[in-house]
Amino acid sequence: MKLGLRYDFIDVDNIIPIDPANPQTFIDMSIGKIKPAGFKKSPTYSTFSPRLSLSYSLPNNYVLHSQIGRYIQQSQLSDMYNGLYYNIIDFFTDGSLPFPKAWYLEPVKTTQFEIGFTKYIADIASFDITTYYKNINDLVVSAFQKTESGSSFGDYETLVNGESAII
């Protein structure tokens, strides 16, 4: 039996709009610049990721094994770091950038379970069969950010955490 506990602390050290639905609070179109007062520091993220694995030796060189764990994976940093610049450029152009970027993304979170057995064949080979289950949350998807009514800016595309998957 093995027990593990991982602590993750993520600080992308970036700035994000205070109100993404209200672009005029962070963009001054009259002079073509951003308004620093319309931004705040991106939040930090921290979590513990517990893990447990078990293996049990059976007769005739068989081993039964299983594990369960929680994992996180930081989203692509280029999506966030470029988000500030690409999204702002998008406001100053016709709004048709082909690849949306994010203001801020949380890490993708996965809970995984697997169980299987291994048959050792002499000292040179083994045969392994394993089945697994993964529940993945906060996958990155493209979404439209609605702007407030009366805004001189239209809705715009951005990346957000929003989908889940089971594998």
Foldseek 3Di string as FASTA:
>chain_A
DDKDKDKDKFALFDKFFPDPQAQVLFADLVVGHTDVVRIDGDDMDMDMKIKDKDWDADPQQKIKIKMKIKDWDADPSCLQVCQVVVVSVCQVDVQPDPDAGAVDADTKMKIKMKIWMKHDDPPPDIDIDMDMKMKIFQDKDKDWRHHDPPHPTGIHIHIYRDDIDMD
